[in-house]
Amino acid sequence: MEAFLVSTSIVALAEMGDKTQLLALVLAARFRKPWPIVLGIFVATVLNHALAGAAGAWVTTVLGPQVLRWVLGVSFIAMAVWMLIPDKLDDGETGNAPRLGVFGTTVLAFFLAEMGDKTQIATVMLAAQYNAYAWVVAGTTLGMMLANAPVVWLGERMMRRVPVRAVHIVSALIFLALGVLALWVPA
């Protein structure tokens, strides 16, 4: 249960102001069909985080506990620094109707946007840290949905009220604490 709760909270915080959250805002403004967008975000996240979680679980079979501890510790600290760098969305909007429909466009856009993203890297690290693949993937997926679904429905009003910089700082502090704990506390 710890893996689920930690994964949910870390990803929900890490996602605030992230490029995929900005993508959710753009899709909501462009298509104005919240249900297919939210469902597309969910499907893309499950697929992406299942792959990331599998990569994290695989890493634990390759690296010994001491090496893994150092890799995780340094990775969490690097993630803390990365959290302080704001994301921007490259908007290549053409205005044409999507060929794949709203749902298909959302799945594809979100899956690709998550590749190498903070939350995907966090999912790899969390799956490596906790021996609970399903709980980590479920938690990171819930965290993504908690951060992105409200943006689809509430849009710009929510983005103006949430102090994104403060959320990034809190997220960075959490990742820093996890990194220090991983380095300090022996496995």
Protein backbone atom coordinates (compact mmCIF):
# COMPACT_ATOMS: atom_id res chain seq x y z
CA MET A 1 0.00 0.00 0.00
CA GLU A 2 2.94 2.32 0.67
CA ALA A 3 4.09 1.91 -2.95
CA PHE A 4 0.61 2.91 -4.17
CA LEU A 5 0.28 5.97 -1.92
CA VAL A 6 3.83 7.24 -2.50
CA SER A 7 3.51 6.69 -6.27
CA THR A 8 0.17 8.48 -6.42
CA SER A 9 1.31 11.52 -4.45
CA ILE A 10 4.69 11.88 -6.15
CA VAL A 11 3.28 11.70 -9.67
CA ALA A 12 0.30 13.95 -8.89
CA LEU A 13 2.71 16.60 -7.58
CA ALA A 14 5.28 16.06 -10.33
CA GLU A 15 2.60 16.43 -13.00
CA MET A 16 1.56 19.94 -11.91
CA GLY A 17 2.64 22.33 -14.65
CA ASP A 18 4.16 19.46 -16.65
CA LYS A 19 3.95 19.45 -20.44
CA THR A 20 1.35 16.69 -20.42
CA GLN A 21 -0.85 18.79 -18.14
CA LEU A 22 -0.45 21.64 -20.60
CA LEU A 23 -1.31 19.16 -23.37
CA ALA A 24 -4.52 18.25 -21.51
CA LEU A 25 -5.39 21.94 -21.39
CA VAL A 26 -4.74 22.37 -25.13
CA LEU A 27 -6.76 19.28 -26.05
CA ALA A 28 -9.67 20.38 -23.85
CA ALA A 29 -9.67 23.85 -25.38
CA ARG A 30 -9.41 22.55 -28.92
CA PHE A 31 -11.89 19.66 -28.89
CA ARG A 32 -14.24 20.51 -26.01
CA LYS A 33 -15.06 16.82 -25.48
CA PRO A 34 -13.87 16.00 -21.95
CA TRP A 35 -14.84 12.31 -21.71
CA PRO A 36 -12.86 11.02 -24.72
CA ILE A 37 -9.91 13.18 -23.65
CA VAL A 38 -9.91 11.88 -20.06
CA LEU A 39 -10.33 8.28 -21.28
CA GLY A 40 -7.47 8.81 -23.74
CA ILE A 41 -5.25 10.18 -20.98
CA PHE A 42 -6.07 7.13 -18.86
CA VAL A 43 -5.32 4.58 -21.61
CA ALA A 44 -2.07 6.30 -22.64
CA THR A 45 -0.94 6.56 -19.02
CA VAL A 46 -1.67 2.90 -18.24
CA LEU A 47 0.25 1.77 -21.32
CA ASN A 48 3.18 4.13 -20.77
CA HIS A 49 3.50 3.53 -17.04
CA ALA A 50 3.10 -0.24 -17.41
CA LEU A 51 6.13 -0.19 -19.71
CA ALA A 52 8.03 2.13 -17.37
CA GLY A 53 7.15 -0.01 -14.35
CA ALA A 54 8.33 -3.12 -16.19
CA ALA A 55 11.62 -1.38 -16.94
CA GLY A 56 12.00 -0.46 -13.26
CA ALA A 57 11.22 -4.02 -12.13
CA TRP A 58 13.71 -5.39 -14.66
CA VAL A 59 16.45 -3.05 -13.39
CA THR A 60 16.20 -4.69 -9.96
CA THR A 61 17.08 -8.07 -11.52
CA VAL A 62 20.20 -6.66 -13.19
CA LEU A 63 21.67 -4.43 -10.49
CA GLY A 64 22.73 -5.53 -7.04
CA PRO A 65 21.11 -3.92 -3.99
CA GLN A 66 24.00 -1.53 -3.25
CA VAL A 67 24.35 -0.32 -6.84
CA LEU A 68 20.57 0.01 -7.11
CA ARG A 69 20.49 2.04 -3.90
CA TRP A 70 23.04 4.52 -5.28
CA VAL A 71 21.38 4.69 -8.70
CA LEU A 72 18.00 5.36 -7.10
CA GLY A 73 19.40 7.90 -4.64
CA VAL A 74 21.19 9.90 -7.33
CA SER A 75 18.19 9.57 -9.70
CA PHE A 76 15.76 10.92 -7.10
CA ILE A 77 18.08 13.85 -6.40
CA ALA A 78 18.41 14.53 -10.14
CA MET A 79 14.61 14.39 -10.38
CA ALA A 80 14.43 17.00 -7.60
CA VAL A 81 16.55 19.35 -9.69
CA TRP A 82 14.53 18.56 -12.83
CA MET A 83 11.31 19.45 -10.99
CA LEU A 84 12.54 23.03 -10.67
CA ILE A 85 12.82 23.41 -14.47
CA PRO A 86 9.46 24.53 -15.92
CA ASP A 87 8.00 22.64 -18.87
CA LYS A 88 6.79 24.23 -22.08
CA LEU A 89 4.53 22.73 -24.71
CA ASP A 90 5.49 23.05 -28.36
CA ASP A 91 2.15 23.86 -29.94
CA GLY A 92 2.07 22.60 -33.50
CA GLU A 93 -1.70 22.92 -33.79
CA THR A 94 -2.89 22.94 -37.38
CA GLY A 95 -6.61 23.47 -36.85
CA ASN A 96 -7.56 20.37 -38.87
CA ALA A 97 -9.93 17.76 -37.50
CA PRO A 98 -8.01 14.86 -35.98
CA ARG A 99 -7.72 11.77 -38.19
CA LEU A 100 -7.74 9.46 -35.18
CA GLY A 101 -10.67 11.16 -33.47
CA VAL A 102 -10.45 12.91 -30.11
CA PHE A 103 -9.80 9.69 -28.16
CA GLY A 104 -7.14 8.34 -30.56
CA THR A 105 -5.42 11.71 -30.83
CA THR A 106 -5.31 12.00 -27.05
CA VAL A 107 -3.93 8.47 -26.58
CA LEU A 108 -1.20 9.00 -29.15
CA ALA A 109 -0.30 12.52 -28.03
CA PHE A 110 -0.16 11.59 -24.35
CA PHE A 111 1.76 8.36 -24.89
CA LEU A 112 4.40 10.18 -26.92
CA ALA A 113 4.51 13.19 -24.59
CA GLU A 114 5.14 10.89 -21.62
CA MET A 115 8.19 9.25 -23.25
CA GLY A 116 11.19 10.33 -21.20
CA ASP A 117 9.00 12.65 -19.12
CA LYS A 118 9.48 13.24 -15.39
CA THR A 119 6.54 11.07 -14.44
CA GLN A 120 7.68 8.19 -16.64
CA ILE A 121 11.18 8.33 -15.15
CA ALA A 122 9.63 8.52 -11.67
CA THR A 123 7.58 5.40 -12.47
CA VAL A 124 10.75 3.53 -13.46
CA MET A 125 12.47 4.60 -10.24
CA LEU A 126 9.47 3.82 -8.02
CA ALA A 127 9.05 0.37 -9.57
CA ALA A 128 12.75 -0.25 -8.94
CA GLN A 129 12.51 0.97 -5.35
CA TYR A 130 9.34 -0.93 -4.41
CA ASN A 131 8.87 -4.57 -5.24
CA ALA A 132 5.23 -3.88 -6.12
CA TYR A 133 4.90 -3.39 -9.89
CA ALA A 134 1.08 -3.35 -10.03
CA TRP A 135 0.76 -0.96 -7.05
CA VAL A 136 3.31 1.44 -8.52
CA VAL A 137 1.65 1.47 -11.95
CA ALA A 138 -1.79 1.89 -10.37
CA GLY A 139 -0.49 4.69 -8.13
CA THR A 140 1.32 6.59 -10.87
CA THR A 141 -1.71 6.25 -13.14
CA LEU A 142 -4.00 7.60 -10.41
CA GLY A 143 -1.55 10.45 -9.81
CA MET A 144 -1.65 11.36 -13.51
CA MET A 145 -5.44 11.27 -13.52
CA LEU A 146 -5.67 13.41 -10.35
CA ALA A 147 -3.47 16.03 -11.99
CA ASN A 148 -4.85 15.93 -15.55
CA ALA A 149 -8.58 15.14 -15.40
CA PRO A 150 -9.49 18.33 -13.50
CA VAL A 151 -7.55 20.35 -16.09
CA VAL A 152 -9.71 18.89 -18.85
CA TRP A 153 -12.91 19.94 -17.06
CA LEU A 154 -11.84 23.10 -15.28
CA GLY A 155 -9.13 24.21 -17.67
CA GLU A 156 -7.61 27.59 -17.40
CA ARG A 157 -9.50 28.60 -14.25
CA MET A 158 -7.67 25.91 -12.29
CA MET A 159 -4.29 26.66 -13.84
CA ARG A 160 -4.56 30.31 -12.77
CA ARG A 161 -5.39 29.43 -9.15
CA VAL A 162 -2.81 26.72 -8.49
CA PRO A 163 0.63 28.14 -7.63
CA VAL A 164 2.54 25.84 -9.98
CA ARG A 165 5.95 27.07 -8.82
CA ALA A 166 5.13 26.20 -5.20
CA VAL A 167 3.96 22.74 -6.27
CA HIS A 168 7.23 22.23 -8.16
CA ILE A 169 9.23 23.22 -5.08
CA VAL A 170 7.27 20.82 -2.85
CA SER A 171 7.74 18.05 -5.42
CA ALA A 172 11.46 18.78 -5.62
CA LEU A 173 11.74 18.58 -1.83
CA ILE A 174 9.95 15.22 -1.79
CA PHE A 175 12.24 13.81 -4.49
CA LEU A 176 15.26 15.20 -2.64
CA ALA A 177 14.12 13.54 0.60
CA LEU A 178 13.61 10.22 -1.19
CA GLY A 179 17.07 10.49 -2.75
CA VAL A 180 18.77 11.28 0.56
CA LEU A 181 16.89 8.43 2.26
CA ALA A 182 17.89 6.00 -0.48
CA LEU A 183 21.54 7.00 -0.09
CA TRP A 184 21.52 7.22 3.70
CA VAL A 185 19.47 4.20 4.75
CA PRO A 186 21.09 0.90 3.77
CA ALA A 187 18.98 -1.60 1.85
